[in-house]
Amino acid sequence: MLIQSRSTDPTGSAPTGAANDMVYRRLRSQIMHGEVKPGLSMTLRGIGKEFNVSMTPAREAVRRLVAEGALSLSASGRVSTPELSNERIEELAAIRALLEPELAARALPRAHFALIERLQAINATIAQVIARHDAPGYIRANLEFHRTLYLRAQAPAMLAMAETVWLQLGPTMSSLYGRLNRTGVPQHHKLIVAALKAGDEPGLRVAVRADVTQGLRMLTT
């Protein structure tokens, strides 16, 4: 068995592999949770400076995010978050409409009281971030609600696909937040919790599908 060694970052602060993983995770989180806007331009040097690493781990982290569709990289080395067309938004909404109701349905047999209680606690957090007009906080808590439910599906490949879609939509979701004009917990979240309590799979599928697509379709009208 071959073991690949990890080289040292020229800054001396961390092995290159560890620095790459750190930049990847943190930048990925920022993108997924709408902390960067669509079409935002960056440079590898700027990314390295933000995360206090050399160009090598910054480049590798960007390469991984480009492969996931979260960033685009021009021939000149310019990095940017994609500005999604209406057709692309509709496509990603359609993928969510297929994947996420299925994940929720698979989670339903394991939706015990502790899970429902946790989802209600997340909804309380959502209400708080809405009151603060905190768009990234809302996106983060909203995705936590869905991820917490879908983890019970025990379908890691499907969940990974859903997370890739969330990642591609992150900057667009930050733009959507202002148009939603939220004043309280999304109604569909309440319907999801009610369906889980009742063991209502058809109702759960309908509520999840509506929750994950309704807002996105506002952007294409």
C-alpha atoms as a PDB file:
ATOM      1  CA  MET A   1       0.000   0.000   0.000  1.00  0.00           C
ATOM      2  CA  LEU A   2       1.387   3.390  -0.999  1.00  0.00           C
ATOM      3  CA  ILE A   3       1.089   6.348   1.341  1.00  0.00           C
ATOM      4  CA  GLN A   4       1.290   9.774  -0.245  1.00  0.00           C
ATOM      5  CA  SER A   5       3.343  12.213   1.797  1.00  0.00           C
ATOM      6  CA  ARG A   6       2.096  15.711   2.484  1.00  0.00           C
ATOM      7  CA  SER A   7       4.432  18.543   1.612  1.00  0.00           C
ATOM      8  CA  THR A   8       4.911  21.579   3.793  1.00  0.00           C
ATOM      9  CA  ASP A   9       3.306  24.917   2.941  1.00  0.00           C
ATOM     10  CA  PRO A  10       6.068  27.487   2.228  1.00  0.00           C
ATOM     11  CA  THR A  11       4.588  29.710   4.932  1.00  0.00           C
ATOM     12  CA  GLY A  12       5.637  27.061   7.440  1.00  0.00           C
ATOM     13  CA  SER A  13       2.243  27.233   9.107  1.00  0.00           C
ATOM     14  CA  ALA A  14       0.774  23.874   8.065  1.00  0.00           C
ATOM     15  CA  PRO A  15       1.289  20.964   5.676  1.00  0.00           C
ATOM     16  CA  THR A  16       0.029  21.808   2.196  1.00  0.00           C
ATOM     17  CA  GLY A  17      -2.626  19.092   2.336  1.00  0.00           C
ATOM     18  CA  ALA A  18      -3.999  20.389   5.634  1.00  0.00           C
ATOM     19  CA  ALA A  19      -3.969  23.973   4.363  1.00  0.00           C
ATOM     20  CA  ASN A  20      -5.738  22.908   1.179  1.00  0.00           C
ATOM     21  CA  ASP A  21      -8.458  21.144   3.186  1.00  0.00           C
ATOM     22  CA  MET A  22      -8.884  24.152   5.470  1.00  0.00           C
ATOM     23  CA  VAL A  23      -9.240  26.615   2.585  1.00  0.00           C
ATOM     24  CA  TYR A  24     -11.562  24.244   0.739  1.00  0.00           C
ATOM     25  CA  ARG A  25     -13.872  23.722   3.729  1.00  0.00           C
ATOM     26  CA  ARG A  26     -14.043  27.392   4.707  1.00  0.00           C
ATOM     27  CA  LEU A  27     -14.475  28.746   1.201  1.00  0.00           C
ATOM     28  CA  ARG A  28     -17.020  26.033   0.418  1.00  0.00           C
ATOM     29  CA  SER A  29     -18.999  26.987   3.518  1.00  0.00           C
ATOM     30  CA  GLN A  30     -18.949  30.672   2.553  1.00  0.00           C
ATOM     31  CA  ILE A  31     -20.221  29.871  -0.936  1.00  0.00           C
ATOM     32  CA  MET A  32     -22.890  27.396   0.162  1.00  0.00           C
ATOM     33  CA  HIS A  33     -24.277  29.751   2.789  1.00  0.00           C
ATOM     34  CA  GLY A  34     -24.512  32.769   0.525  1.00  0.00           C
ATOM     35  CA  GLU A  35     -21.710  34.777   2.085  1.00  0.00           C
ATOM     36  CA  VAL A  36     -20.438  35.634  -1.400  1.00  0.00           C
ATOM     37  CA  LYS A  37     -22.530  37.186  -4.159  1.00  0.00           C
ATOM     38  CA  PRO A  38     -23.064  35.826  -7.685  1.00  0.00           C
ATOM     39  CA  GLY A  39     -20.374  36.990 -10.107  1.00  0.00           C
ATOM     40  CA  LEU A  40     -17.912  37.956  -7.361  1.00  0.00           C
ATOM     41  CA  SER A  41     -14.361  37.990  -8.745  1.00  0.00           C
ATOM     42  CA  MET A  42     -11.416  36.752  -6.705  1.00  0.00           C
ATOM     43  CA  THR A  43      -7.768  35.957  -7.287  1.00  0.00           C
ATOM     44  CA  LEU A  44      -5.721  33.039  -6.037  1.00  0.00           C
ATOM     45  CA  ARG A  45      -3.420  35.535  -4.352  1.00  0.00           C
ATOM     46  CA  GLY A  46      -6.376  37.179  -2.618  1.00  0.00           C
ATOM     47  CA  ILE A  47      -7.741  33.833  -1.455  1.00  0.00           C
ATOM     48  CA  GLY A  48      -4.347  32.845  -0.131  1.00  0.00           C
ATOM     49  CA  LYS A  49      -4.051  36.129   1.751  1.00  0.00           C
ATOM     50  CA  GLU A  50      -7.561  35.789   3.244  1.00  0.00           C
ATOM     51  CA  PHE A  51      -6.805  32.328   4.623  1.00  0.00           C
ATOM     52  CA  ASN A  52      -3.110  32.970   5.346  1.00  0.00           C
ATOM     53  CA  VAL A  53      -1.799  30.260   3.038  1.00  0.00           C
ATOM     54  CA  SER A  54       0.436  30.139  -0.020  1.00  0.00           C
ATOM     55  CA  MET A  55      -0.765  29.995  -3.615  1.00  0.00           C
ATOM     56  CA  THR A  56      -0.487  26.196  -3.800  1.00  0.00           C
ATOM     57  CA  PRO A  57      -3.246  25.266  -1.304  1.00  0.00           C
ATOM     58  CA  ALA A  58      -5.372  28.174  -2.535  1.00  0.00           C
ATOM     59  CA  ARG A  59      -5.102  26.880  -6.103  1.00  0.00           C
ATOM     60  CA  GLU A  60      -5.900  23.302  -5.091  1.00  0.00           C
ATOM     61  CA  ALA A  61      -8.942  24.356  -3.049  1.00  0.00           C
ATOM     62  CA  VAL A  62     -10.217  26.428  -5.974  1.00  0.00           C
ATOM     63  CA  ARG A  63      -9.640  23.502  -8.343  1.00  0.00           C
ATOM     64  CA  ARG A  64     -11.833  21.283  -6.160  1.00  0.00           C
ATOM     65  CA  LEU A  65     -14.581  23.902  -5.990  1.00  0.00           C
ATOM     66  CA  VAL A  66     -14.451  24.450  -9.763  1.00  0.00           C
ATOM     67  CA  ALA A  67     -14.973  20.695 -10.191  1.00  0.00           C
ATOM     68  CA  GLU A  68     -18.082  20.943  -7.993  1.00  0.00           C
ATOM     69  CA  GLY A  69     -19.489  23.843 -10.004  1.00  0.00           C
ATOM     70  CA  ALA A  70     -19.170  26.284  -7.107  1.00  0.00           C
ATOM     71  CA  LEU A  71     -16.546  28.473  -8.805  1.00  0.00           C
ATOM     72  CA  SER A  72     -15.409  29.205 -12.338  1.00  0.00           C
ATOM     73  CA  LEU A  73     -11.794  29.751 -13.335  1.00  0.00           C
ATOM     74  CA  SER A  74     -10.801  31.722 -16.435  1.00  0.00           C
ATOM     75  CA  ALA A  75      -7.733  31.070 -18.588  1.00  0.00           C
ATOM     76  CA  SER A  76      -6.140  34.166 -17.023  1.00  0.00           C
ATOM     77  CA  GLY A  77      -6.537  32.702 -13.532  1.00  0.00           C
ATOM     78  CA  ARG A  78      -9.495  34.850 -12.510  1.00  0.00           C
ATOM     79  CA  VAL A  79     -11.786  33.094 -10.064  1.00  0.00           C
ATOM     80  CA  SER A  80     -15.467  33.959  -9.743  1.00  0.00           C
ATOM     81  CA  THR A  81     -18.761  32.664  -8.416  1.00  0.00           C
ATOM     82  CA  PRO A  82     -21.106  31.787 -11.285  1.00  0.00           C
ATOM     83  CA  GLU A  83     -24.069  33.958 -12.201  1.00  0.00           C
ATOM     84  CA  LEU A  84     -26.742  31.373 -12.930  1.00  0.00           C
ATOM     85  CA  SER A  85     -29.067  31.733 -15.898  1.00  0.00           C
ATOM     86  CA  ASN A  86     -32.804  31.172 -15.486  1.00  0.00           C
ATOM     87  CA  GLU A  87     -32.416  27.846 -17.272  1.00  0.00           C
ATOM     88  CA  ARG A  88     -29.699  26.736 -14.865  1.00  0.00           C
ATOM     89  CA  ILE A  89     -31.749  27.786 -11.831  1.00  0.00           C
ATOM     90  CA  GLU A  90     -34.733  25.825 -13.163  1.00  0.00           C
ATOM     91  CA  GLU A  91     -32.521  22.791 -13.740  1.00  0.00           C
ATOM     92  CA  LEU A  92     -31.123  22.881 -10.205  1.00  0.00           C
ATOM     93  CA  ALA A  93     -34.609  23.423  -8.774  1.00  0.00           C
ATOM     94  CA  ALA A  94     -35.789  20.358 -10.698  1.00  0.00           C
ATOM     95  CA  ILE A  95     -32.918  18.294  -9.259  1.00  0.00           C
ATOM     96  CA  ARG A  96     -33.863  19.408  -5.743  1.00  0.00           C
ATOM     97  CA  ALA A  97     -37.501  18.523  -6.454  1.00  0.00           C
ATOM     98  CA  LEU A  98     -36.451  14.994  -7.379  1.00  0.00           C
ATOM     99  CA  LEU A  99     -33.792  14.305  -4.765  1.00  0.00           C
ATOM    100  CA  GLU A 100     -35.017  15.929  -1.591  1.00  0.00           C
ATOM    101  CA  PRO A 101     -38.554  14.517  -1.339  1.00  0.00           C
ATOM    102  CA  GLU A 102     -36.995  11.064  -1.800  1.00  0.00           C
ATOM    103  CA  LEU A 103     -34.451  11.737   0.958  1.00  0.00           C
ATOM    104  CA  ALA A 104     -37.233  12.942   3.262  1.00  0.00           C
ATOM    105  CA  ALA A 105     -39.364   9.875   2.505  1.00  0.00           C
ATOM    106  CA  ARG A 106     -36.445   7.573   3.291  1.00  0.00           C
ATOM    107  CA  ALA A 107     -35.892   9.444   6.553  1.00  0.00           C
ATOM    108  CA  LEU A 108     -39.529   9.113   7.636  1.00  0.00           C
ATOM    109  CA  PRO A 109     -39.278   5.627   9.216  1.00  0.00           C
ATOM    110  CA  ARG A 110     -36.471   6.975  11.452  1.00  0.00           C
ATOM    111  CA  ALA A 111     -38.174  10.272  12.278  1.00  0.00           C
ATOM    112  CA  HIS A 112     -38.403   9.708  15.999  1.00  0.00           C
ATOM    113  CA  PHE A 113     -39.265  12.327  18.606  1.00  0.00           C
ATOM    114  CA  ALA A 114     -35.661  13.491  19.031  1.00  0.00           C
ATOM    115  CA  LEU A 115     -35.419  14.357  15.340  1.00  0.00           C
ATOM    116  CA  ILE A 116     -38.695  16.271  15.336  1.00  0.00           C
ATOM    117  CA  GLU A 117     -37.609  18.150  18.448  1.00  0.00           C
ATOM    118  CA  ARG A 118     -34.309  19.047  16.761  1.00  0.00           C
ATOM    119  CA  LEU A 119     -36.081  20.318  13.635  1.00  0.00           C
ATOM    120  CA  GLN A 120     -38.348  22.488  15.773  1.00  0.00           C
ATOM    121  CA  ALA A 121     -35.284  23.930  17.517  1.00  0.00           C
ATOM    122  CA  ILE A 122     -33.739  24.771  14.144  1.00  0.00           C
ATOM    123  CA  ASN A 123     -36.986  26.479  13.136  1.00  0.00           C
ATOM    124  CA  ALA A 124     -36.698  28.603  16.281  1.00  0.00           C
ATOM    125  CA  THR A 125     -33.173  29.579  15.178  1.00  0.00           C
ATOM    126  CA  ILE A 126     -34.506  30.459  11.732  1.00  0.00           C
ATOM    127  CA  ALA A 127     -37.037  32.794  13.321  1.00  0.00           C
ATOM    128  CA  GLN A 128     -34.217  34.534  15.209  1.00  0.00           C
ATOM    129  CA  VAL A 129     -31.994  35.068  12.149  1.00  0.00           C
ATOM    130  CA  ILE A 130     -34.973  36.343  10.158  1.00  0.00           C
ATOM    131  CA  ALA A 131     -35.625  38.901  12.895  1.00  0.00           C
ATOM    132  CA  ARG A 132     -31.988  40.041  12.519  1.00  0.00           C
ATOM    133  CA  HIS A 133     -32.278  40.191   8.694  1.00  0.00           C
ATOM    134  CA  ASP A 134     -29.255  37.884   8.557  1.00  0.00           C
ATOM    135  CA  ALA A 135     -29.262  36.343   5.057  1.00  0.00           C
ATOM    136  CA  PRO A 136     -26.252  34.010   5.482  1.00  0.00           C
ATOM    137  CA  GLY A 137     -27.576  32.970   8.895  1.00  0.00           C
ATOM    138  CA  TYR A 138     -30.939  32.157   7.347  1.00  0.00           C
ATOM    139  CA  ILE A 139     -29.399  30.112   4.525  1.00  0.00           C
ATOM    140  CA  ARG A 140     -27.163  28.251   6.983  1.00  0.00           C
ATOM    141  CA  ALA A 141     -30.041  27.405   9.337  1.00  0.00           C
ATOM    142  CA  ASN A 142     -32.349  26.479   6.466  1.00  0.00           C
ATOM    143  CA  LEU A 143     -29.817  24.023   5.059  1.00  0.00           C
ATOM    144  CA  GLU A 144     -29.190  22.654   8.544  1.00  0.00           C
ATOM    145  CA  PHE A 145     -32.938  21.913   8.784  1.00  0.00           C
ATOM    146  CA  HIS A 146     -32.852  19.919   5.552  1.00  0.00           C
ATOM    147  CA  ARG A 147     -29.519  18.196   6.236  1.00  0.00           C
ATOM    148  CA  THR A 148     -30.631  17.142   9.723  1.00  0.00           C
ATOM    149  CA  LEU A 149     -33.709  15.470   8.241  1.00  0.00           C
ATOM    150  CA  TYR A 150     -31.923  13.882   5.277  1.00  0.00           C
ATOM    151  CA  LEU A 151     -29.157  12.365   7.404  1.00  0.00           C
ATOM    152  CA  ARG A 152     -31.823  10.002   8.750  1.00  0.00           C
ATOM    153  CA  ALA A 153     -32.349   8.685   5.217  1.00  0.00           C
ATOM    154  CA  GLN A 154     -29.020   6.844   5.451  1.00  0.00           C
ATOM    155  CA  ALA A 155     -28.429   7.568   1.750  1.00  0.00           C
ATOM    156  CA  PRO A 156     -25.000   9.255   1.679  1.00  0.00           C
ATOM    157  CA  ALA A 157     -24.637   9.299  -2.118  1.00  0.00           C
ATOM    158  CA  MET A 158     -27.993  11.039  -2.556  1.00  0.00           C
ATOM    159  CA  LEU A 159     -27.198  13.527   0.214  1.00  0.00           C
ATOM    160  CA  ALA A 160     -23.831  14.315  -1.386  1.00  0.00           C
ATOM    161  CA  MET A 161     -25.614  15.069  -4.664  1.00  0.00           C
ATOM    162  CA  ALA A 162     -28.061  17.367  -2.851  1.00  0.00           C
ATOM    163  CA  GLU A 163     -25.208  19.201  -1.139  1.00  0.00           C
ATOM    164  CA  THR A 164     -23.488  19.777  -4.485  1.00  0.00           C
ATOM    165  CA  VAL A 165     -26.686  21.446  -5.731  1.00  0.00           C
ATOM    166  CA  TRP A 166     -26.880  23.571  -2.560  1.00  0.00           C
ATOM    167  CA  LEU A 167     -23.270  24.606  -3.140  1.00  0.00           C
ATOM    168  CA  GLN A 168     -23.941  25.732  -6.708  1.00  0.00           C
ATOM    169  CA  LEU A 169     -26.999  27.669  -5.576  1.00  0.00           C
ATOM    170  CA  GLY A 170     -25.423  29.354  -2.543  1.00  0.00           C
ATOM    171  CA  PRO A 171     -24.603  32.785  -4.040  1.00  0.00           C
ATOM    172  CA  THR A 172     -27.950  32.838  -5.864  1.00  0.00           C
ATOM    173  CA  MET A 173     -29.746  32.053  -2.605  1.00  0.00           C
ATOM    174  CA  SER A 174     -28.236  35.172  -1.056  1.00  0.00           C
ATOM    175  CA  SER A 175     -29.860  37.215  -3.830  1.00  0.00           C
ATOM    176  CA  LEU A 176     -33.145  35.376  -3.344  1.00  0.00           C
ATOM    177  CA  TYR A 177     -33.289  36.124   0.378  1.00  0.00           C
ATOM    178  CA  GLY A 178     -34.093  39.817  -0.173  1.00  0.00           C
ATOM    179  CA  ARG A 179     -36.987  38.956  -2.481  1.00  0.00           C
ATOM    180  CA  LEU A 180     -38.535  36.419  -0.114  1.00  0.00           C
ATOM    181  CA  ASN A 181     -39.183  39.097   2.517  1.00  0.00           C
ATOM    182  CA  ARG A 182     -39.425  36.511   5.292  1.00  0.00           C
ATOM    183  CA  THR A 183     -41.195  37.529   8.488  1.00  0.00           C
ATOM    184  CA  GLY A 184     -41.301  34.137  10.175  1.00  0.00           C
ATOM    185  CA  VAL A 185     -40.464  30.442   9.855  1.00  0.00           C
ATOM    186  CA  PRO A 186     -41.290  29.177   6.339  1.00  0.00           C
ATOM    187  CA  GLN A 187     -44.761  27.642   6.264  1.00  0.00           C
ATOM    188  CA  HIS A 188     -43.473  24.567   4.464  1.00  0.00           C
ATOM    189  CA  HIS A 189     -41.086  23.838   7.337  1.00  0.00           C
ATOM    190  CA  LYS A 190     -44.099  23.646   9.615  1.00  0.00           C
ATOM    191  CA  LEU A 191     -45.843  21.340   7.142  1.00  0.00           C
ATOM    192  CA  ILE A 192     -42.753  19.126   6.988  1.00  0.00           C
ATOM    193  CA  VAL A 193     -42.705  18.778  10.776  1.00  0.00           C
ATOM    194  CA  ALA A 194     -46.455  18.093  10.848  1.00  0.00           C
ATOM    195  CA  ALA A 195     -46.103  15.386   8.189  1.00  0.00           C
ATOM    196  CA  LEU A 196     -43.256  13.761  10.123  1.00  0.00           C
ATOM    197  CA  LYS A 197     -45.361  13.714  13.287  1.00  0.00           C
ATOM    198  CA  ALA A 198     -48.283  12.158  11.391  1.00  0.00           C
ATOM    199  CA  GLY A 199     -46.161   9.661   9.475  1.00  0.00           C
ATOM    200  CA  ASP A 200     -47.647  11.113   6.279  1.00  0.00           C
ATOM    201  CA  GLU A 201     -45.267  10.255   3.435  1.00  0.00           C
ATOM    202  CA  PRO A 202     -47.309  11.820   0.581  1.00  0.00           C
ATOM    203  CA  GLY A 203     -47.772  15.011   2.600  1.00  0.00           C
ATOM    204  CA  LEU A 204     -44.081  15.047   3.469  1.00  0.00           C
ATOM    205  CA  ARG A 205     -43.043  14.714  -0.172  1.00  0.00           C
ATOM    206  CA  VAL A 206     -45.374  17.558  -1.207  1.00  0.00           C
ATOM    207  CA  ALA A 207     -44.162  19.856   1.582  1.00  0.00           C
ATOM    208  CA  VAL A 208     -40.470  19.243   0.864  1.00  0.00           C
ATOM    209  CA  ARG A 209     -40.902  19.681  -2.885  1.00  0.00           C
ATOM    210  CA  ALA A 210     -42.733  22.967  -2.412  1.00  0.00           C
ATOM    211  CA  ASP A 211     -40.191  24.216   0.129  1.00  0.00           C
ATOM    212  CA  VAL A 212     -37.131  23.579  -2.038  1.00  0.00           C
ATOM    213  CA  THR A 213     -38.529  24.912  -5.325  1.00  0.00           C
ATOM    214  CA  GLN A 214     -40.999  27.705  -4.601  1.00  0.00           C
ATOM    215  CA  GLY A 215     -38.451  30.378  -3.748  1.00  0.00           C
ATOM    216  CA  LEU A 216     -36.058  29.493  -6.569  1.00  0.00           C
ATOM    217  CA  ARG A 217     -38.810  29.867  -9.143  1.00  0.00           C
ATOM    218  CA  MET A 218     -39.295  33.461  -7.998  1.00  0.00           C
ATOM    219  CA  LEU A 219     -35.882  34.195  -9.524  1.00  0.00           C
ATOM    220  CA  THR A 220     -36.913  33.043 -13.000  1.00  0.00           C
ATOM    221  CA  THR A 221     -40.115  35.102 -13.264  1.00  0.00           C
END
